[in-house]
């Protein structure tokens, strides 16, 4: 492989690695916030899922994806995956809050 091509490939991959790290850190922050939401919902006996909010979030994310030139179908699938995980966490938190000593 030509040295210039190898150098450009390395530069691009390093950029991708940095973006991946930022995505992971942002997801961690998002899940910290959703854990707080889950605890608040459990304390007030609210359901783990909020379908209306989820619909609004998906619509908003699809619009953001279009403006960012990202496939909105992919963006929706990604958010649905995250939402499913958040609901799973909220269900676990609600289950834990019903146990004695919690």
Protein backbone atom coordinates (compact mmCIF):
# COMPACT_ATOMS: atom_id res chain seq x y z
CA UNK A 1 0.00 0.00 0.00
CA UNK A 2 1.23 3.47 -0.88
CA UNK A 3 2.58 5.34 2.18
CA UNK A 4 0.34 8.38 1.53
CA UNK A 5 -2.72 6.13 1.39
CA UNK A 6 -1.66 4.35 4.59
CA UNK A 7 -1.17 7.71 6.34
CA UNK A 8 -4.58 8.98 5.22
CA UNK A 9 -6.23 5.73 6.26
CA UNK A 10 -4.59 5.98 9.69
CA UNK A 11 -5.70 9.60 10.07
CA UNK A 12 -9.30 8.75 9.15
CA UNK A 13 -9.38 5.73 11.46
CA UNK A 14 -8.03 7.79 14.36
CA UNK A 15 -10.84 10.28 13.75
CA UNK A 16 -13.39 7.44 13.77
CA UNK A 17 -11.88 6.10 17.01
CA UNK A 18 -12.24 9.53 18.64
CA UNK A 19 -15.86 9.82 17.50
CA UNK A 20 -16.61 6.32 18.81
CA UNK A 21 -15.17 7.28 22.20
CA UNK A 22 -17.32 10.42 22.27
CA UNK A 23 -20.44 8.38 21.39
CA UNK A 24 -19.76 5.94 24.24
CA UNK A 25 -19.27 8.77 26.73
CA UNK A 26 -22.43 10.53 25.55
CA UNK A 27 -24.43 7.31 25.85
CA UNK A 28 -23.09 6.84 29.38
CA UNK A 29 -24.29 10.34 30.30
CA UNK A 30 -27.66 9.68 28.68
CA UNK A 31 -28.09 6.48 30.67
CA UNK A 32 -27.16 8.27 33.90
CA UNK A 33 -30.03 10.68 33.23
CA UNK A 34 -32.46 7.91 32.28
CA UNK A 35 -31.56 6.00 35.46
CA UNK A 36 -32.63 9.09 37.43
CA UNK A 37 -35.88 9.18 35.43
CA UNK A 38 -36.40 5.50 36.21
CA UNK A 39 -35.94 6.05 39.93
CA UNK A 40 -38.36 9.01 39.88
CA UNK A 41 -40.93 6.97 37.96
CA UNK A 42 -40.57 4.06 40.40
CA UNK A 43 -40.95 6.35 43.43
CA UNK A 44 -44.19 7.74 42.00
CA UNK A 45 -45.41 4.43 40.60
CA UNK A 46 -45.37 5.69 37.01
CA UNK A 47 -45.12 3.19 34.15
CA UNK A 48 -41.62 2.44 32.83
CA UNK A 49 -42.61 3.25 29.24
CA UNK A 50 -44.07 6.50 27.90
CA UNK A 51 -45.20 5.70 24.34
CA UNK A 52 -46.22 9.29 23.53
CA UNK A 53 -42.81 10.67 24.55
CA UNK A 54 -41.12 7.86 22.62
CA UNK A 55 -43.10 8.78 19.48
CA UNK A 56 -42.12 12.43 19.86
CA UNK A 57 -38.46 11.54 20.39
CA UNK A 58 -38.40 9.28 17.34
CA UNK A 59 -39.98 11.98 15.16
CA UNK A 60 -37.50 14.55 16.49
CA UNK A 61 -34.53 12.25 15.91
CA UNK A 62 -35.69 11.47 12.37
CA UNK A 63 -35.80 15.22 11.62
CA UNK A 64 -32.33 15.68 13.10
CA UNK A 65 -31.06 12.76 11.02
CA UNK A 66 -32.41 14.26 7.81
CA UNK A 67 -30.82 17.62 8.57
CA UNK A 68 -27.52 15.86 9.37
CA UNK A 69 -27.73 13.78 6.18
CA UNK A 70 -28.00 10.56 8.17
CA UNK A 71 -30.42 7.85 7.14
CA UNK A 72 -33.55 8.52 9.25
CA UNK A 73 -34.46 4.82 9.20
CA UNK A 74 -31.10 3.99 10.77
CA UNK A 75 -31.55 6.81 13.31
CA UNK A 76 -34.98 5.46 14.26
CA UNK A 77 -33.65 1.91 14.66
CA UNK A 78 -30.82 3.22 16.84
CA UNK A 79 -33.19 5.20 19.06
CA UNK A 80 -35.61 2.27 19.33
CA UNK A 81 -32.71 0.13 20.55
CA UNK A 82 -31.82 2.73 23.17
CA UNK A 83 -35.45 3.17 24.24
CA UNK A 84 -35.87 -0.59 24.68
CA UNK A 85 -32.79 -0.68 26.91
CA UNK A 86 -34.01 2.31 28.94
CA UNK A 87 -37.41 0.66 29.47
CA UNK A 88 -35.66 -2.53 30.56
CA UNK A 89 -33.66 -0.50 33.11
CA UNK A 90 -36.81 1.28 34.31
CA UNK A 91 -38.59 -2.05 34.78
CA UNK A 92 -35.64 -3.35 36.80
CA UNK A 93 -35.60 -0.21 38.95
CA UNK A 94 -39.36 -0.48 39.52
CA UNK A 95 -38.92 -4.13 40.50
CA UNK A 96 -36.12 -3.26 42.91
CA UNK A 97 -38.11 -0.43 44.52
CA UNK A 98 -40.87 -2.87 45.44
CA UNK A 99 -38.51 -5.11 47.41
CA UNK A 100 -38.28 -4.81 51.20
CA UNK A 101 -35.41 -2.63 52.33
CA UNK A 102 -35.37 -0.47 49.18
